Every structure is written in structure tokens, then in C-alpha cells.
N, C-alpha and C. Protein backbone atom coordinates (compact mmCIF):
# COMPACT_ATOMS: atom_id res chain seq x y z
N UNK A 1 1.00 -1.26 -0.15
CA UNK A 1 -0.06 0.18 -0.23
C UNK A 1 1.11 1.44 -0.05
N UNK A 2 0.45 2.56 -0.95
CA UNK A 2 1.68 3.80 -0.72
C UNK A 2 1.24 3.74 0.73
N UNK A 3 2.20 4.85 1.03
CA UNK A 3 2.08 5.98 2.22
C UNK A 3 1.33 7.45 2.20
N UNK A 4 1.00 7.21 0.11
CA UNK A 4 0.50 7.96 0.65
C UNK A 4 -1.04 8.61 -0.50
N UNK A 5 -1.85 9.55 -0.50
CA UNK A 5 -3.32 8.38 -1.21
C UNK A 5 -3.59 10.13 -2.13
N UNK A 6 -4.07 10.10 -2.69
CA UNK A 6 -3.67 11.73 -4.09
C UNK A 6 -5.09 12.10 -4.25
N UNK A 7 -5.58 13.34 -2.74
CA UNK A 7 -6.43 14.16 -3.31
C UNK A 7 -6.89 15.19 -4.26
N UNK A 8 -8.48 15.25 -4.67
CA UNK A 8 -9.11 16.28 -5.60
C UNK A 8 -8.95 18.14 -5.26
N UNK A 9 -8.86 19.21 -5.66
CA UNK A 9 -9.72 20.38 -5.03
C UNK A 9 -9.31 20.78 -7.03
N UNK A 10 -9.90 22.29 -6.44
CA UNK A 10 -10.24 22.85 -7.77
C UNK A 10 -8.47 23.13 -8.52
N UNK A 11 -7.96 23.50 -7.44
CA UNK A 11 -6.34 23.72 -8.18
C UNK A 11 -6.07 22.00 -9.19
N UNK A 12 -7.01 20.67 -8.60
CA UNK A 12 -6.56 19.51 -8.77
C UNK A 12 -5.71 18.08 -8.38
N UNK A 13 -4.54 17.28 -8.18
CA UNK A 13 -4.98 16.51 -7.45
C UNK A 13 -3.38 17.18 -6.56
N UNK A 14 -3.00 16.72 -5.90
CA UNK A 14 -2.40 16.55 -4.27
C UNK A 14 -2.01 15.36 -3.73
N UNK A 15 -0.74 15.16 -3.70
CA UNK A 15 -0.90 14.06 -2.38
C UNK A 15 0.11 14.40 -1.24
N UNK A 16 -1.39 13.57 -0.35
CA UNK A 16 -0.94 13.69 1.15
C UNK A 16 -0.97 12.30 1.96
N UNK A 17 -0.12 12.41 2.98
CA UNK A 17 0.28 11.61 3.49
C UNK A 17 -1.27 10.25 3.93
N UNK A 18 -1.07 8.80 3.81
CA UNK A 18 -1.95 8.08 4.28
C UNK A 18 -2.67 8.76 5.61
N UNK A 19 -1.35 8.11 6.72
CA UNK A 19 -2.20 8.66 7.87
C UNK A 19 -3.03 10.37 8.51
N UNK A 20 -2.56 11.31 6.52
CA UNK A 20 -3.25 12.22 7.46
C UNK A 20 -4.37 12.94 7.62
N UNK A 21 -5.35 13.39 9.10
CA UNK A 21 -7.05 13.51 8.52
C UNK A 21 -6.77 14.81 8.42
N UNK A 22 -6.56 14.95 7.28
CA UNK A 22 -6.99 16.11 6.38
C UNK A 22 -6.73 16.13 5.17
N UNK A 23 -7.62 17.25 4.24
CA UNK A 23 -7.78 17.45 2.78
C UNK A 23 -6.37 18.25 2.00
N UNK A 24 -6.65 18.58 1.08
CA UNK A 24 -6.21 18.92 -0.46
C UNK A 24 -5.72 20.56 -0.06
N UNK A 25 -6.66 20.94 0.38
CA UNK A 25 -6.43 22.40 1.37
C UNK A 25 -5.60 22.59 2.48
N UNK A 26 -5.78 21.64 3.58
CA UNK A 26 -4.82 22.12 4.30
C UNK A 26 -3.66 21.37 3.60
N UNK A 27 -3.56 20.31 2.28
CA UNK A 27 -1.77 20.02 2.41
C UNK A 27 -0.90 21.76 1.69
N UNK A 28 -1.46 21.75 0.64
CA UNK A 28 -1.58 23.12 -0.11
C UNK A 28 -1.31 24.29 1.15
N UNK A 29 -2.13 24.74 2.28
CA UNK A 29 -1.46 25.59 2.88
C UNK A 29 -0.23 25.16 3.29
N UNK A 30 -0.13 23.56 3.70
CA UNK A 30 1.24 23.03 4.36
C UNK A 30 2.65 23.97 3.44
N UNK A 31 2.36 23.38 2.25
CA UNK A 31 3.25 23.35 0.88
C UNK A 31 3.67 25.09 0.50
N UNK A 32 2.60 25.59 0.88
CA UNK A 32 2.10 27.12 0.21
C UNK A 32 3.11 28.68 1.80
N UNK A 33 2.93 28.14 2.52
CA UNK A 33 3.00 28.58 4.14
C UNK A 33 3.72 27.96 4.41
N UNK A 34 5.13 27.11 4.66
CA UNK A 34 5.44 27.73 6.00
C UNK A 34 6.22 28.26 6.80
N UNK A 35 5.55 28.98 7.53
CA UNK A 35 5.75 29.93 8.42
C UNK A 35 6.74 29.72 9.43
N UNK A 36 5.84 29.54 10.37
CA UNK A 36 7.04 29.13 12.43
C UNK A 36 6.99 27.38 12.19
N UNK A 37 6.06 26.44 11.73
CA UNK A 37 6.12 25.71 12.42
C UNK A 37 5.05 25.52 13.92
N UNK A 38 4.75 26.77 13.73
CA UNK A 38 4.14 26.57 15.35
C UNK A 38 2.91 26.04 15.38
N UNK A 39 2.08 25.62 16.25
CA UNK A 39 0.93 24.91 15.96
C UNK A 39 0.05 26.00 17.04
N UNK A 40 -1.14 25.85 16.99
CA UNK A 40 -2.35 26.90 17.19
C UNK A 40 -2.08 26.97 19.31
N UNK A 41 -2.34 27.14 20.00
CA UNK A 41 -2.52 27.42 21.60
C UNK A 41 -4.18 26.43 21.36
N UNK A 42 -3.51 25.79 22.42
CA UNK A 42 -5.17 24.50 23.08
C UNK A 42 -6.35 25.09 23.47
N UNK A 43 -6.19 26.17 23.90
CA UNK A 43 -7.23 27.29 24.42
C UNK A 43 -8.21 27.56 22.86
N UNK A 44 -7.12 27.77 21.76
CA UNK A 44 -8.11 28.11 20.95
C UNK A 44 -8.56 26.83 20.56
N UNK A 45 -7.51 26.04 20.16
CA UNK A 45 -8.23 25.00 19.73
C UNK A 45 -9.48 24.51 20.45
N UNK A 46 -9.99 23.89 21.38
CA UNK A 46 -10.52 24.51 22.53
C UNK A 46 -11.71 24.98 22.18
N UNK A 47 -11.87 26.56 21.82
CA UNK A 47 -12.91 27.17 21.26
C UNK A 47 -13.66 26.86 19.79
N UNK A 48 -12.69 26.08 19.48
CA UNK A 48 -13.08 26.20 17.85
C UNK A 48 -13.85 24.74 18.10
N UNK A 49 -13.52 23.67 19.18
CA UNK A 49 -14.35 22.77 19.37
C UNK A 49 -15.90 22.94 19.33
N UNK A 50 -15.52 23.76 20.64
CA UNK A 50 -16.96 24.00 21.38
C UNK A 50 -18.10 25.31 20.17
N UNK A 51 -17.60 25.90 19.42
CA UNK A 51 -18.15 26.41 17.49
C UNK A 51 -18.42 25.04 17.67
N UNK A 52 -17.95 24.12 17.08
CA UNK A 52 -17.66 23.21 15.87
C UNK A 52 -19.96 22.31 16.40
N UNK A 53 -19.05 21.96 17.39
CA UNK A 53 -20.52 20.82 18.74
C UNK A 53 -21.75 22.15 18.41
N UNK A 54 -21.43 23.21 18.79
CA UNK A 54 -22.73 23.65 19.13
C UNK A 54 -23.55 24.63 17.65
N UNK A 55 -22.54 24.52 16.96
CA UNK A 55 -23.43 24.46 15.06
C UNK A 55 -24.00 23.50 14.83
N UNK A 56 -23.03 21.75 15.13
CA UNK A 56 -23.92 20.81 15.33
C UNK A 56 -25.44 20.58 15.50
N UNK A 57 -25.68 21.14 16.55
CA UNK A 57 -26.21 20.58 17.23
C UNK A 57 -27.13 21.60 16.75
N UNK A 58 -27.36 22.45 17.06
CA UNK A 58 -28.67 23.71 15.82
C UNK A 58 -28.53 23.23 14.61
N UNK A 59 -27.80 22.83 14.50
CA UNK A 59 -28.19 22.22 12.30
C UNK A 59 -29.10 21.20 12.49
N UNK A 60 -28.69 20.60 13.37
CA UNK A 60 -29.69 19.09 13.73
C UNK A 60 -30.91 19.27 13.94
N UNK A 61 -31.35 20.58 15.45
CA UNK A 61 -32.54 21.19 15.80
C UNK A 61 -33.48 21.94 14.46
N UNK A 62 -32.75 22.62 13.47
CA UNK A 62 -33.13 23.09 12.30
C UNK A 62 -33.79 22.33 11.73
N UNK A 63 -33.23 20.49 11.97
CA UNK A 63 -33.83 19.75 10.44
C UNK A 63 -32.57 20.54 9.24
N UNK A 64 -31.97 21.04 9.13
CA UNK A 64 -30.67 21.05 7.86
C UNK A 64 -29.23 19.79 7.92
N UNK A 65 -29.32 19.52 9.21
CA UNK A 65 -28.39 18.47 8.91
C UNK A 65 -28.72 17.08 9.89
N UNK A 66 -28.80 15.67 9.21
CA UNK A 66 -28.99 14.61 9.39
C UNK A 66 -28.28 14.57 10.58
N UNK A 67 -29.53 13.82 11.93
CA UNK A 67 -28.82 12.78 13.15
C UNK A 67 -27.67 12.20 13.19
N UNK A 68 -27.71 11.79 12.13
CA UNK A 68 -26.10 10.26 12.19
C UNK A 68 -25.44 11.41 11.45
N UNK A 69 -24.84 12.10 11.51
CA UNK A 69 -24.27 12.65 11.03
C UNK A 69 -23.97 14.08 11.85
N UNK A 70 -24.76 14.39 12.49
CA UNK A 70 -24.27 15.25 13.43
C UNK A 70 -24.29 14.98 14.27
N UNK A 71 -24.43 13.49 15.11
CA UNK A 71 -24.10 12.86 15.66
C UNK A 71 -23.06 13.04 15.97
N UNK A 72 -22.09 12.54 14.81
CA UNK A 72 -20.73 12.19 14.58
C UNK A 72 -19.85 13.06 14.73
N UNK A 73 -20.54 14.13 14.78
CA UNK A 73 -19.80 15.43 14.23
C UNK A 73 -19.59 16.03 15.69
N UNK A 74 -21.01 16.33 16.53
CA UNK A 74 -20.52 15.89 18.12
C UNK A 74 -20.16 15.12 19.06
């Protein structure tokens, strides 16, 4: 098995490590903007998790997101 996979976006094909949990846009950002190598602060990531959870719960309640997919996101 290859140690990479091919993802496709509006700019075409891009190789991504098979173990990566991200897609083509993130891979392109990593290649094009190697600024500092620093990670985002943990508090910022936790805040994003809260926002995404509430967004999924809200979209389930509004009937805009199916329960099975929404609950997986939550």
C-alpha cells in the first residue's frame, strides 16, 4: 500500500500522507505557507471545538443536518 493518497480540489491533484486526517486545502497550505511551524494554542483549538459542536447541534435542531451525521460531528 502507498504511504500517500491523492486528493483532488479546484487546483487538481495533490499527494497527502496516508496517515493525515486533513485534505487537499490543508496540504496546499502546508506547502505554500511554511511560516513558523508553531501550533495553534490549545485554548484556541478548544474554542473551535465548542463552536463546531454548537453549530452541529443547532443544525440538527433546525433539521438542516441529519441526526446520524450531526451526532457524529458532536
